[in-house]
Amino acid sequence: MNTFSKYVIGFAGVIIVLVYSQSILVPFIFALLLWFTIRVFSSISEKIPIYGKYIPKKLKKIFSAIFIFSILYFFSQIVLSSFNSIIQSHHNYNDNISNLINLINEQFQIDLEAYIKTQTSEISIAGFAEILFDAISNIISSTLMIVLFTIFIFLEETHFDKKLKQFLSESTSNYNNLNSTLNKIEWSVARYLGIKTMSSLLTGFLSFIVFYMCDLNFAIFWAFLIFLLNYIPTIGSLLATVFPVVFSMLQFGDFSNALIILFVVSGIQIVIGNLIEPRWMGNSMNISPLISIISLMFWGLIWGTTGMIVSVPFTVVVIIILSEIESTRPLAILLSEKGDINEKR
């Protein structure tokens, strides 16, 4: 068996493991990202004069974790409440739906109502309820697993450095190289998450102002949806804009507000995504744009929306690891943006 065949078999094996271990790996990945976030927030909090000087590091991490979990819980309650309200209020928009259908029929000379009746007659309410129940159950179980994984990662962290030194006790240089690589990975992922969170918050906040000015119902929910999906590179926030645009048509029964929301919010996303965010990122990611898109599609096919969210951090980690191994450095150069893998991160 030649080398190429071994690589193909190994790659296929990795894909199979990723697909069939999704229920375990996805919560673990999010636990790692949450761990990164807590560590970074704890480090930032050390700059607070009295708090940073007198509070022990372990307590800082506990307080940071409580603060972050509180924010996540607060927004999850808002989202669940808004989602429930949207479901319960769908009857309020029946007249507007009829107006929209008639408007579309007149403009495009089609019988949209007959098509919708044909499609809706095939929808099973029981099946929809079962899908919704399964989705909620998966979210709850994943949340519990993420919390448990995060706790155990923090417990393991206290002894990790000692274990690493003992494992590589025969070679100090190997320990230093591995420790340097881990620090590089941590810095790159933390920087990406921090900047992406800031740009997502800015996008979500400005979108909320637009929704509020347009008197769109559940403005906080739609803004949070844009904030969340903005973590998906390139297409995430633009995809999230479709939902408030469609809801605007249902709420107002015409296209005027929907068009305002579409163009203004899309403009906000284009400016932040193509002008502001790249300036903040600088050269820290060092990923080829083509590889970024391929990575987005690859992880999206394997893990769906979750894979799209983690596609960039995964690619960053892969490039860093490949750049540290002599035999795979040419591959890291091909995956990088400018071919300079020694560029300061």
C-alpha atoms as a PDB file:
ATOM      1  CA  MET A   1       0.000   0.000   0.000  1.00  0.00           C
ATOM      2  CA  ASN A   2       1.507   3.327  -1.087  1.00  0.00           C
ATOM      3  CA  THR A   3       1.552   6.559   0.923  1.00  0.00           C
ATOM      4  CA  PHE A   4      -1.332   8.152  -0.993  1.00  0.00           C
ATOM      5  CA  SER A   5      -3.634   5.203  -0.265  1.00  0.00           C
ATOM      6  CA  LYS A   6      -2.782   5.413   3.419  1.00  0.00           C
ATOM      7  CA  TYR A   7      -3.668   9.126   3.459  1.00  0.00           C
ATOM      8  CA  VAL A   8      -6.990   8.459   1.685  1.00  0.00           C
ATOM      9  CA  ILE A   9      -7.919   5.651   4.086  1.00  0.00           C
ATOM     10  CA  GLY A  10      -6.879   7.756   7.065  1.00  0.00           C
ATOM     11  CA  PHE A  11      -8.904  10.748   5.830  1.00  0.00           C
ATOM     12  CA  ALA A  12     -11.967   8.540   5.251  1.00  0.00           C
ATOM     13  CA  GLY A  13     -11.579   7.116   8.758  1.00  0.00           C
ATOM     14  CA  VAL A  14     -11.444  10.610  10.261  1.00  0.00           C
ATOM     15  CA  ILE A  15     -14.610  11.629   8.361  1.00  0.00           C
ATOM     16  CA  ILE A  16     -16.473   8.558   9.629  1.00  0.00           C
ATOM     17  CA  VAL A  17     -15.415   9.284  13.213  1.00  0.00           C
ATOM     18  CA  LEU A  18     -16.454  12.938  12.904  1.00  0.00           C
ATOM     19  CA  VAL A  19     -19.892  12.057  11.506  1.00  0.00           C
ATOM     20  CA  TYR A  20     -20.774   9.265  13.931  1.00  0.00           C
ATOM     21  CA  SER A  21     -19.267  10.987  16.989  1.00  0.00           C
ATOM     22  CA  GLN A  22     -21.075  14.271  16.375  1.00  0.00           C
ATOM     23  CA  SER A  23     -23.291  13.987  19.465  1.00  0.00           C
ATOM     24  CA  ILE A  24     -20.180  13.858  21.676  1.00  0.00           C
ATOM     25  CA  LEU A  25     -17.667  15.946  19.728  1.00  0.00           C
ATOM     26  CA  VAL A  26     -19.927  18.972  19.106  1.00  0.00           C
ATOM     27  CA  PRO A  27     -20.680  19.608  22.819  1.00  0.00           C
ATOM     28  CA  PHE A  28     -16.990  19.053  23.579  1.00  0.00           C
ATOM     29  CA  ILE A  29     -15.939  21.594  20.922  1.00  0.00           C
ATOM     30  CA  PHE A  30     -18.365  24.176  22.301  1.00  0.00           C
ATOM     31  CA  ALA A  31     -17.096  23.415  25.811  1.00  0.00           C
ATOM     32  CA  LEU A  32     -13.556  24.155  24.601  1.00  0.00           C
ATOM     33  CA  LEU A  33     -14.722  27.422  23.040  1.00  0.00           C
ATOM     34  CA  LEU A  34     -16.520  28.307  26.274  1.00  0.00           C
ATOM     35  CA  TRP A  35     -13.356  27.444  28.205  1.00  0.00           C
ATOM     36  CA  PHE A  36     -11.356  29.756  25.928  1.00  0.00           C
ATOM     37  CA  THR A  37     -13.897  32.532  26.470  1.00  0.00           C
ATOM     38  CA  ILE A  38     -13.813  32.191  30.261  1.00  0.00           C
ATOM     39  CA  ARG A  39      -9.992  32.167  30.306  1.00  0.00           C
ATOM     40  CA  VAL A  40      -9.812  35.290  28.135  1.00  0.00           C
ATOM     41  CA  PHE A  41     -12.476  37.101  30.155  1.00  0.00           C
ATOM     42  CA  SER A  42     -10.672  36.145  33.353  1.00  0.00           C
ATOM     43  CA  SER A  43      -7.385  37.514  31.954  1.00  0.00           C
ATOM     44  CA  ILE A  44      -9.060  40.772  30.947  1.00  0.00           C
ATOM     45  CA  SER A  45     -10.619  41.117  34.409  1.00  0.00           C
ATOM     46  CA  GLU A  46      -7.120  41.121  35.940  1.00  0.00           C
ATOM     47  CA  LYS A  47      -6.689  44.653  34.592  1.00  0.00           C
ATOM     48  CA  ILE A  48      -9.456  45.900  36.907  1.00  0.00           C
ATOM     49  CA  PRO A  49      -7.469  47.684  39.701  1.00  0.00           C
ATOM     50  CA  ILE A  50      -8.789  46.254  42.993  1.00  0.00           C
ATOM     51  CA  TYR A  51     -10.449  43.132  41.585  1.00  0.00           C
ATOM     52  CA  GLY A  52      -7.378  42.086  39.593  1.00  0.00           C
ATOM     53  CA  LYS A  53      -4.989  42.599  42.498  1.00  0.00           C
ATOM     54  CA  TYR A  54      -6.756  40.954  45.436  1.00  0.00           C
ATOM     55  CA  ILE A  55      -9.012  38.254  43.940  1.00  0.00           C
ATOM     56  CA  PRO A  56      -7.306  34.833  43.461  1.00  0.00           C
ATOM     57  CA  LYS A  57      -7.088  33.442  39.926  1.00  0.00           C
ATOM     58  CA  LYS A  58      -9.385  30.495  40.662  1.00  0.00           C
ATOM     59  CA  LEU A  59     -12.080  32.816  41.989  1.00  0.00           C
ATOM     60  CA  LYS A  60     -11.687  35.040  38.925  1.00  0.00           C
ATOM     61  CA  LYS A  61     -12.374  32.063  36.670  1.00  0.00           C
ATOM     62  CA  ILE A  62     -15.402  31.081  38.772  1.00  0.00           C
ATOM     63  CA  PHE A  63     -16.779  34.635  38.690  1.00  0.00           C
ATOM     64  CA  SER A  64     -16.093  34.878  34.948  1.00  0.00           C
ATOM     65  CA  ALA A  65     -17.865  31.561  34.348  1.00  0.00           C
ATOM     66  CA  ILE A  66     -20.883  32.674  36.427  1.00  0.00           C
ATOM     67  CA  PHE A  67     -21.023  35.989  34.542  1.00  0.00           C
ATOM     68  CA  ILE A  68     -20.840  34.348  31.103  1.00  0.00           C
ATOM     69  CA  PHE A  69     -23.374  31.634  31.993  1.00  0.00           C
ATOM     70  CA  SER A  70     -25.718  34.338  33.341  1.00  0.00           C
ATOM     71  CA  ILE A  71     -25.518  36.263  30.062  1.00  0.00           C
ATOM     72  CA  LEU A  72     -26.143  33.082  28.047  1.00  0.00           C
ATOM     73  CA  TYR A  73     -29.085  32.157  30.283  1.00  0.00           C
ATOM     74  CA  PHE A  74     -30.553  35.666  30.027  1.00  0.00           C
ATOM     75  CA  PHE A  75     -30.435  35.744  26.236  1.00  0.00           C
ATOM     76  CA  SER A  76     -31.648  32.132  25.922  1.00  0.00           C
ATOM     77  CA  GLN A  77     -34.728  33.062  27.967  1.00  0.00           C
ATOM     78  CA  ILE A  78     -35.380  36.059  25.724  1.00  0.00           C
ATOM     79  CA  VAL A  79     -35.019  33.919  22.601  1.00  0.00           C
ATOM     80  CA  LEU A  80     -37.251  31.105  23.910  1.00  0.00           C
ATOM     81  CA  SER A  81     -39.878  33.589  25.076  1.00  0.00           C
ATOM     82  CA  SER A  82     -39.829  35.436  21.738  1.00  0.00           C
ATOM     83  CA  PHE A  83     -39.964  32.176  19.781  1.00  0.00           C
ATOM     84  CA  ASN A  84     -42.965  31.030  21.841  1.00  0.00           C
ATOM     85  CA  SER A  85     -44.698  34.377  21.275  1.00  0.00           C
ATOM     86  CA  ILE A  86     -44.121  34.142  17.523  1.00  0.00           C
ATOM     87  CA  ILE A  87     -45.664  30.655  17.444  1.00  0.00           C
ATOM     88  CA  GLN A  88     -48.678  31.764  19.485  1.00  0.00           C
ATOM     89  CA  SER A  89     -49.286  34.934  17.474  1.00  0.00           C
ATOM     90  CA  HIS A  90     -49.176  33.439  13.984  1.00  0.00           C
ATOM     91  CA  HIS A  91     -52.994  33.713  13.680  1.00  0.00           C
ATOM     92  CA  ASN A  92     -52.673  37.518  13.923  1.00  0.00           C
ATOM     93  CA  TYR A  93     -51.054  37.649  10.494  1.00  0.00           C
ATOM     94  CA  ASN A  94     -53.599  35.615   8.520  1.00  0.00           C
ATOM     95  CA  ASP A  95     -55.144  38.722   6.897  1.00  0.00           C
ATOM     96  CA  ASN A  96     -51.710  40.048   5.908  1.00  0.00           C
ATOM     97  CA  ILE A  97     -50.788  36.678   4.424  1.00  0.00           C
ATOM     98  CA  SER A  98     -53.935  36.803   2.265  1.00  0.00           C
ATOM     99  CA  ASN A  99     -53.091  40.367   1.188  1.00  0.00           C
ATOM    100  CA  LEU A 100     -49.558  39.324   0.248  1.00  0.00           C
ATOM    101  CA  ILE A 101     -50.819  36.341  -1.726  1.00  0.00           C
ATOM    102  CA  ASN A 102     -53.276  38.526  -3.647  1.00  0.00           C
ATOM    103  CA  LEU A 103     -50.559  41.111  -4.285  1.00  0.00           C
ATOM    104  CA  ILE A 104     -48.171  38.472  -5.626  1.00  0.00           C
ATOM    105  CA  ASN A 105     -50.954  36.924  -7.749  1.00  0.00           C
ATOM    106  CA  GLU A 106     -51.659  40.324  -9.321  1.00  0.00           C
ATOM    107  CA  GLN A 107     -48.025  41.227  -9.912  1.00  0.00           C
ATOM    108  CA  PHE A 108     -46.813  37.889 -11.290  1.00  0.00           C
ATOM    109  CA  GLN A 109     -50.073  36.471 -12.656  1.00  0.00           C
ATOM    110  CA  ILE A 110     -49.824  33.204 -10.710  1.00  0.00           C
ATOM    111  CA  ASP A 111     -52.185  31.288  -8.429  1.00  0.00           C
ATOM    112  CA  LEU A 112     -49.986  31.224  -5.318  1.00  0.00           C
ATOM    113  CA  GLU A 113     -52.884  30.439  -2.979  1.00  0.00           C
ATOM    114  CA  ALA A 114     -53.667  27.146  -4.736  1.00  0.00           C
ATOM    115  CA  TYR A 115     -49.998  26.138  -4.582  1.00  0.00           C
ATOM    116  CA  ILE A 116     -49.787  26.968  -0.853  1.00  0.00           C
ATOM    117  CA  LYS A 117     -52.973  24.984  -0.119  1.00  0.00           C
ATOM    118  CA  THR A 118     -51.527  22.008  -1.963  1.00  0.00           C
ATOM    119  CA  GLN A 119     -48.304  22.187   0.036  1.00  0.00           C
ATOM    120  CA  THR A 120     -49.891  22.872   3.438  1.00  0.00           C
ATOM    121  CA  SER A 121     -52.281  19.954   3.042  1.00  0.00           C
ATOM    122  CA  GLU A 122     -49.278  17.648   3.004  1.00  0.00           C
ATOM    123  CA  ILE A 123     -47.829  19.058   6.250  1.00  0.00           C
ATOM    124  CA  SER A 124     -48.298  16.897   9.318  1.00  0.00           C
ATOM    125  CA  ILE A 125     -48.828  18.962  12.470  1.00  0.00           C
ATOM    126  CA  ALA A 126     -47.963  15.964  14.622  1.00  0.00           C
ATOM    127  CA  GLY A 127     -44.771  15.470  12.661  1.00  0.00           C
ATOM    128  CA  PHE A 128     -43.842  19.125  13.030  1.00  0.00           C
ATOM    129  CA  ALA A 129     -44.488  18.981  16.798  1.00  0.00           C
ATOM    130  CA  GLU A 130     -42.333  15.857  17.063  1.00  0.00           C
ATOM    131  CA  ILE A 131     -39.466  17.528  15.172  1.00  0.00           C
ATOM    132  CA  LEU A 132     -39.749  20.628  17.383  1.00  0.00           C
ATOM    133  CA  PHE A 133     -39.777  18.498  20.544  1.00  0.00           C
ATOM    134  CA  ASP A 134     -36.695  16.565  19.400  1.00  0.00           C
ATOM    135  CA  ALA A 135     -34.887  19.825  18.602  1.00  0.00           C
ATOM    136  CA  ILE A 136     -35.633  21.255  22.054  1.00  0.00           C
ATOM    137  CA  SER A 137     -34.560  17.994  23.713  1.00  0.00           C
ATOM    138  CA  ASN A 138     -31.279  18.015  21.772  1.00  0.00           C
ATOM    139  CA  ILE A 139     -30.600  21.618  22.781  1.00  0.00           C
ATOM    140  CA  ILE A 140     -31.223  20.844  26.470  1.00  0.00           C
ATOM    141  CA  SER A 141     -29.106  17.678  26.456  1.00  0.00           C
ATOM    142  CA  SER A 142     -26.296  19.441  24.552  1.00  0.00           C
ATOM    143  CA  THR A 143     -26.335  22.338  27.019  1.00  0.00           C
ATOM    144  CA  LEU A 144     -25.951  19.967  29.959  1.00  0.00           C
ATOM    145  CA  MET A 145     -23.094  18.138  28.206  1.00  0.00           C
ATOM    146  CA  ILE A 146     -21.367  21.446  27.358  1.00  0.00           C
ATOM    147  CA  VAL A 147     -21.548  22.554  31.003  1.00  0.00           C
ATOM    148  CA  LEU A 148     -20.218  19.189  32.243  1.00  0.00           C
ATOM    149  CA  PHE A 149     -17.396  19.143  29.678  1.00  0.00           C
ATOM    150  CA  THR A 150     -16.443  22.716  30.604  1.00  0.00           C
ATOM    151  CA  ILE A 151     -16.272  21.862  34.317  1.00  0.00           C
ATOM    152  CA  PHE A 152     -14.060  18.841  33.695  1.00  0.00           C
ATOM    153  CA  ILE A 153     -11.803  20.803  31.319  1.00  0.00           C
ATOM    154  CA  PHE A 154     -11.186  23.348  34.098  1.00  0.00           C
ATOM    155  CA  LEU A 155     -10.484  20.528  36.559  1.00  0.00           C
ATOM    156  CA  GLU A 156      -8.040  18.952  34.110  1.00  0.00           C
ATOM    157  CA  GLU A 157      -6.388  22.308  33.399  1.00  0.00           C
ATOM    158  CA  THR A 158      -4.883  22.513  36.912  1.00  0.00           C
ATOM    159  CA  HIS A 159      -2.710  19.424  36.274  1.00  0.00           C
ATOM    160  CA  PHE A 160      -2.246  19.626  32.511  1.00  0.00           C
ATOM    161  CA  ASP A 161       1.046  21.533  32.529  1.00  0.00           C
ATOM    162  CA  LYS A 162       2.544  19.137  35.085  1.00  0.00           C
ATOM    163  CA  LYS A 163       1.443  16.110  33.034  1.00  0.00           C
ATOM    164  CA  LEU A 164       2.865  17.661  29.879  1.00  0.00           C
ATOM    165  CA  LYS A 165       6.247  18.228  31.533  1.00  0.00           C
ATOM    166  CA  GLN A 166       6.382  14.644  32.811  1.00  0.00           C
ATOM    167  CA  PHE A 167       5.255  13.262  29.455  1.00  0.00           C
ATOM    168  CA  LEU A 168       8.043  15.150  27.659  1.00  0.00           C
ATOM    169  CA  SER A 169      10.547  15.018  30.492  1.00  0.00           C
ATOM    170  CA  GLU A 170      13.232  13.535  28.256  1.00  0.00           C
ATOM    171  CA  SER A 171      13.319  16.571  25.994  1.00  0.00           C
ATOM    172  CA  THR A 172      12.981  20.148  27.229  1.00  0.00           C
ATOM    173  CA  SER A 173      12.969  21.474  23.663  1.00  0.00           C
ATOM    174  CA  ASN A 174       9.986  19.282  22.742  1.00  0.00           C
ATOM    175  CA  TYR A 175       8.086  20.602  25.746  1.00  0.00           C
ATOM    176  CA  ASN A 176       8.905  24.201  24.843  1.00  0.00           C
ATOM    177  CA  ASN A 177       7.898  23.665  21.212  1.00  0.00           C
ATOM    178  CA  LEU A 178       4.620  21.990  22.143  1.00  0.00           C
ATOM    179  CA  ASN A 179       3.851  24.613  24.776  1.00  0.00           C
ATOM    180  CA  SER A 180       4.590  27.350  22.231  1.00  0.00           C
ATOM    181  CA  THR A 181       2.247  25.711  19.706  1.00  0.00           C
ATOM    182  CA  LEU A 182      -0.550  25.421  22.293  1.00  0.00           C
ATOM    183  CA  ASN A 183      -0.108  29.079  23.258  1.00  0.00           C
ATOM    184  CA  LYS A 184      -0.220  30.058  19.583  1.00  0.00           C
ATOM    185  CA  ILE A 185      -3.442  28.089  19.102  1.00  0.00           C
ATOM    186  CA  GLU A 186      -5.001  29.586  22.229  1.00  0.00           C
ATOM    187  CA  TRP A 187      -4.062  33.132  21.218  1.00  0.00           C
ATOM    188  CA  SER A 188      -5.351  32.765  17.648  1.00  0.00           C
ATOM    189  CA  VAL A 189      -8.661  31.152  18.634  1.00  0.00           C
ATOM    190  CA  ALA A 190      -9.217  33.604  21.502  1.00  0.00           C
ATOM    191  CA  ARG A 191      -8.472  36.567  19.225  1.00  0.00           C
ATOM    192  CA  TYR A 192     -10.808  35.260  16.531  1.00  0.00           C
ATOM    193  CA  LEU A 193     -13.641  34.647  19.009  1.00  0.00           C
ATOM    194  CA  GLY A 194     -13.147  38.030  20.643  1.00  0.00           C
ATOM    195  CA  ILE A 195     -13.170  39.983  17.379  1.00  0.00           C
ATOM    196  CA  LYS A 196     -16.019  37.914  15.924  1.00  0.00           C
ATOM    197  CA  THR A 197     -18.070  38.509  19.080  1.00  0.00           C
ATOM    198  CA  MET A 198     -17.452  42.260  18.921  1.00  0.00           C
ATOM    199  CA  SER A 199     -18.408  42.463  15.228  1.00  0.00           C
ATOM    200  CA  SER A 200     -21.464  40.243  15.849  1.00  0.00           C
ATOM    201  CA  LEU A 201     -22.572  42.448  18.759  1.00  0.00           C
ATOM    202  CA  LEU A 202     -22.174  45.566  16.628  1.00  0.00           C
ATOM    203  CA  THR A 203     -24.090  43.987  13.739  1.00  0.00           C
ATOM    204  CA  GLY A 204     -26.857  42.764  16.035  1.00  0.00           C
ATOM    205  CA  PHE A 205     -27.152  46.115  17.855  1.00  0.00           C
ATOM    206  CA  LEU A 206     -27.344  48.196  14.666  1.00  0.00           C
ATOM    207  CA  SER A 207     -29.828  45.705  13.201  1.00  0.00           C
ATOM    208  CA  PHE A 208     -31.949  46.040  16.360  1.00  0.00           C
ATOM    209  CA  ILE A 209     -32.063  49.827  15.867  1.00  0.00           C
ATOM    210  CA  VAL A 210     -33.293  49.297  12.289  1.00  0.00           C
ATOM    211  CA  PHE A 211     -35.946  46.792  13.434  1.00  0.00           C
ATOM    212  CA  TYR A 212     -37.052  49.135  16.219  1.00  0.00           C
ATOM    213  CA  MET A 213     -37.304  52.129  13.862  1.00  0.00           C
ATOM    214  CA  CYS A 214     -39.355  50.003  11.452  1.00  0.00           C
ATOM    215  CA  ASP A 215     -41.625  48.953  14.364  1.00  0.00           C
ATOM    216  CA  LEU A 216     -40.915  45.260  13.692  1.00  0.00           C
ATOM    217  CA  ASN A 217     -42.292  42.902  16.332  1.00  0.00           C
ATOM    218  CA  PHE A 218     -39.819  40.767  18.310  1.00  0.00           C
ATOM    219  CA  ALA A 219     -36.932  43.044  17.315  1.00  0.00           C
ATOM    220  CA  ILE A 220     -34.649  41.647  20.059  1.00  0.00           C
ATOM    221  CA  PHE A 221     -35.190  38.100  18.814  1.00  0.00           C
ATOM    222  CA  TRP A 222     -34.321  38.944  15.194  1.00  0.00           C
ATOM    223  CA  ALA A 223     -31.277  40.975  16.288  1.00  0.00           C
ATOM    224  CA  PHE A 224     -30.050  38.079  18.449  1.00  0.00           C
ATOM    225  CA  LEU A 225     -30.546  35.690  15.520  1.00  0.00           C
ATOM    226  CA  ILE A 226     -28.335  37.927  13.361  1.00  0.00           C
ATOM    227  CA  PHE A 227     -25.753  38.107  16.181  1.00  0.00           C
ATOM    228  CA  LEU A 228     -25.694  34.310  16.482  1.00  0.00           C
ATOM    229  CA  LEU A 229     -25.566  33.456  12.784  1.00  0.00           C
ATOM    230  CA  ASN A 230     -22.890  36.113  12.190  1.00  0.00           C
ATOM    231  CA  TYR A 231     -20.413  33.540  13.587  1.00  0.00           C
ATOM    232  CA  ILE A 232     -20.934  31.627  10.336  1.00  0.00           C
ATOM    233  CA  PRO A 233     -18.422  33.201   7.929  1.00  0.00           C
ATOM    234  CA  THR A 234     -19.578  34.969   4.754  1.00  0.00           C
ATOM    235  CA  ILE A 235     -23.193  33.751   4.583  1.00  0.00           C
ATOM    236  CA  GLY A 236     -24.389  33.622   8.202  1.00  0.00           C
ATOM    237  CA  SER A 237     -25.678  37.123   8.923  1.00  0.00           C
ATOM    238  CA  LEU A 238     -26.978  37.580   5.371  1.00  0.00           C
ATOM    239  CA  LEU A 239     -28.949  34.348   5.767  1.00  0.00           C
ATOM    240  CA  ALA A 240     -30.303  35.565   9.123  1.00  0.00           C
ATOM    241  CA  THR A 241     -31.621  38.738   7.426  1.00  0.00           C
ATOM    242  CA  VAL A 242     -34.074  36.640   5.399  1.00  0.00           C
ATOM    243  CA  PHE A 243     -36.125  35.758   8.508  1.00  0.00           C
ATOM    244  CA  PRO A 244     -36.932  39.330   9.702  1.00  0.00           C
ATOM    245  CA  VAL A 245     -37.543  40.389   6.091  1.00  0.00           C
ATOM    246  CA  VAL A 246     -40.121  37.623   5.598  1.00  0.00           C
ATOM    247  CA  PHE A 247     -41.664  38.319   9.016  1.00  0.00           C
ATOM    248  CA  SER A 248     -41.902  42.019   8.132  1.00  0.00           C
ATOM    249  CA  MET A 249     -43.990  41.122   5.077  1.00  0.00           C
ATOM    250  CA  LEU A 250     -46.259  38.986   7.252  1.00  0.00           C
ATOM    251  CA  GLN A 251     -46.603  41.702   9.896  1.00  0.00           C
ATOM    252  CA  PHE A 252     -47.293  44.680   7.622  1.00  0.00           C
ATOM    253  CA  GLY A 253     -48.828  42.945   4.617  1.00  0.00           C
ATOM    254  CA  ASP A 254     -46.651  44.770   2.070  1.00  0.00           C
ATOM    255  CA  PHE A 255     -43.079  45.003   0.793  1.00  0.00           C
ATOM    256  CA  SER A 256     -42.091  48.556   1.809  1.00  0.00           C
ATOM    257  CA  ASN A 257     -40.743  47.869   5.319  1.00  0.00           C
ATOM    258  CA  ALA A 258     -39.310  44.541   4.191  1.00  0.00           C
ATOM    259  CA  LEU A 259     -37.257  46.269   1.486  1.00  0.00           C
ATOM    260  CA  ILE A 260     -35.995  48.896   3.959  1.00  0.00           C
ATOM    261  CA  ILE A 261     -34.920  46.165   6.396  1.00  0.00           C
ATOM    262  CA  LEU A 262     -33.328  44.136   3.595  1.00  0.00           C
ATOM    263  CA  PHE A 263     -31.197  46.937   2.157  1.00  0.00           C
ATOM    264  CA  VAL A 264     -30.266  48.724   5.406  1.00  0.00           C
ATOM    265  CA  VAL A 265     -29.414  45.596   7.431  1.00  0.00           C
ATOM    266  CA  SER A 266     -27.569  44.024   4.491  1.00  0.00           C
ATOM    267  CA  GLY A 267     -25.622  47.278   4.115  1.00  0.00           C
ATOM    268  CA  ILE A 268     -24.675  47.168   7.803  1.00  0.00           C
ATOM    269  CA  GLN A 269     -23.453  43.596   7.434  1.00  0.00           C
ATOM    270  CA  ILE A 270     -21.450  44.375   4.297  1.00  0.00           C
ATOM    271  CA  VAL A 271     -19.720  47.371   5.911  1.00  0.00           C
ATOM    272  CA  ILE A 272     -18.892  45.539   9.147  1.00  0.00           C
ATOM    273  CA  GLY A 273     -18.026  42.225   7.471  1.00  0.00           C
ATOM    274  CA  ASN A 274     -15.900  43.636   4.645  1.00  0.00           C
ATOM    275  CA  LEU A 275     -14.402  46.820   6.103  1.00  0.00           C
ATOM    276  CA  ILE A 276     -14.419  46.886   9.913  1.00  0.00           C
ATOM    277  CA  GLU A 277     -13.910  43.223  10.808  1.00  0.00           C
ATOM    278  CA  PRO A 278     -10.935  42.653   8.430  1.00  0.00           C
ATOM    279  CA  ARG A 279      -9.201  45.700   9.972  1.00  0.00           C
ATOM    280  CA  TRP A 280      -9.696  44.234  13.451  1.00  0.00           C
ATOM    281  CA  MET A 281      -8.539  40.782  12.363  1.00  0.00           C
ATOM    282  CA  GLY A 282      -5.492  42.036  10.500  1.00  0.00           C
ATOM    283  CA  ASN A 283      -3.252  39.097   9.534  1.00  0.00           C
ATOM    284  CA  SER A 284      -3.982  37.120  12.701  1.00  0.00           C
ATOM    285  CA  MET A 285      -6.029  34.415  10.958  1.00  0.00           C
ATOM    286  CA  ASN A 286      -3.666  33.912   7.986  1.00  0.00           C
ATOM    287  CA  ILE A 287      -6.175  31.760   6.081  1.00  0.00           C
ATOM    288  CA  SER A 288      -6.589  31.717   2.323  1.00  0.00           C
ATOM    289  CA  PRO A 289     -10.082  33.047   1.392  1.00  0.00           C
ATOM    290  CA  LEU A 290     -10.601  30.042  -0.886  1.00  0.00           C
ATOM    291  CA  ILE A 291      -9.640  27.649   1.912  1.00  0.00           C
ATOM    292  CA  SER A 292     -12.010  29.528   4.248  1.00  0.00           C
ATOM    293  CA  ILE A 293     -14.943  28.910   1.882  1.00  0.00           C
ATOM    294  CA  ILE A 294     -13.971  25.260   1.320  1.00  0.00           C
ATOM    295  CA  SER A 295     -13.648  24.782   5.084  1.00  0.00           C
ATOM    296  CA  LEU A 296     -17.084  26.345   5.581  1.00  0.00           C
ATOM    297  CA  MET A 297     -18.636  23.928   3.078  1.00  0.00           C
ATOM    298  CA  PHE A 298     -16.710  20.918   4.411  1.00  0.00           C
ATOM    299  CA  TRP A 299     -17.632  21.382   8.075  1.00  0.00           C
ATOM    300  CA  GLY A 300     -21.157  22.411   7.080  1.00  0.00           C
ATOM    301  CA  LEU A 301     -21.645  19.086   5.285  1.00  0.00           C
ATOM    302  CA  ILE A 302     -20.328  17.135   8.281  1.00  0.00           C
ATOM    303  CA  TRP A 303     -21.863  19.009  11.242  1.00  0.00           C
ATOM    304  CA  GLY A 304     -24.404  21.376   9.667  1.00  0.00           C
ATOM    305  CA  THR A 305     -24.738  24.849  11.199  1.00  0.00           C
ATOM    306  CA  THR A 306     -22.443  23.901  14.079  1.00  0.00           C
ATOM    307  CA  GLY A 307     -19.698  22.949  11.634  1.00  0.00           C
ATOM    308  CA  MET A 308     -20.035  26.292   9.844  1.00  0.00           C
ATOM    309  CA  ILE A 309     -19.609  28.179  13.129  1.00  0.00           C
ATOM    310  CA  VAL A 310     -16.405  26.353  14.086  1.00  0.00           C
ATOM    311  CA  SER A 311     -14.963  26.101  10.563  1.00  0.00           C
ATOM    312  CA  VAL A 312     -12.578  29.076  10.860  1.00  0.00           C
ATOM    313  CA  PRO A 313     -11.183  28.210  14.340  1.00  0.00           C
ATOM    314  CA  PHE A 314     -10.663  24.618  13.180  1.00  0.00           C
ATOM    315  CA  THR A 315      -8.803  25.747  10.068  1.00  0.00           C
ATOM    316  CA  VAL A 316      -6.610  28.093  12.124  1.00  0.00           C
ATOM    317  CA  VAL A 317      -5.687  25.233  14.480  1.00  0.00           C
ATOM    318  CA  VAL A 318      -4.934  22.893  11.559  1.00  0.00           C
ATOM    319  CA  ILE A 319      -2.636  25.460   9.871  1.00  0.00           C
ATOM    320  CA  ILE A 320      -0.742  26.100  13.117  1.00  0.00           C
ATOM    321  CA  ILE A 321      -0.236  22.372  13.758  1.00  0.00           C
ATOM    322  CA  LEU A 322       0.839  21.703  10.159  1.00  0.00           C
ATOM    323  CA  SER A 323       3.293  24.618  10.283  1.00  0.00           C
ATOM    324  CA  GLU A 324       5.018  23.125  13.345  1.00  0.00           C
ATOM    325  CA  ILE A 325       5.707  19.774  11.639  1.00  0.00           C
ATOM    326  CA  GLU A 326       8.550  19.828   9.129  1.00  0.00           C
ATOM    327  CA  SER A 327       6.991  17.335   6.704  1.00  0.00           C
ATOM    328  CA  THR A 328       3.649  19.188   6.559  1.00  0.00           C
ATOM    329  CA  ARG A 329       4.931  22.774   6.424  1.00  0.00           C
ATOM    330  CA  PRO A 330       4.423  22.989   2.599  1.00  0.00           C
ATOM    331  CA  LEU A 331       0.747  22.123   3.127  1.00  0.00           C
ATOM    332  CA  ALA A 332       0.448  24.834   5.801  1.00  0.00           C
ATOM    333  CA  ILE A 333       1.944  27.329   3.316  1.00  0.00           C
ATOM    334  CA  LEU A 334      -0.699  26.390   0.721  1.00  0.00           C
ATOM    335  CA  LEU A 335      -3.523  26.802   3.260  1.00  0.00           C
ATOM    336  CA  SER A 336      -2.249  30.178   4.514  1.00  0.00           C
ATOM    337  CA  GLU A 337      -3.297  33.512   3.050  1.00  0.00           C
ATOM    338  CA  LYS A 338       0.076  34.850   1.861  1.00  0.00           C
ATOM    339  CA  GLY A 339       2.314  31.814   2.293  1.00  0.00           C
ATOM    340  CA  ASP A 340       4.085  33.274   5.344  1.00  0.00           C
ATOM    341  CA  ILE A 341       3.403  30.805   8.152  1.00  0.00           C
ATOM    342  CA  ASN A 342       6.076  32.377  10.339  1.00  0.00           C
ATOM    343  CA  GLU A 343       4.142  35.618  10.405  1.00  0.00           C
ATOM    344  CA  LYS A 344       3.633  36.967  13.886  1.00  0.00           C
ATOM    345  CA  ARG A 345       0.186  36.208  15.205  1.00  0.00           C
END
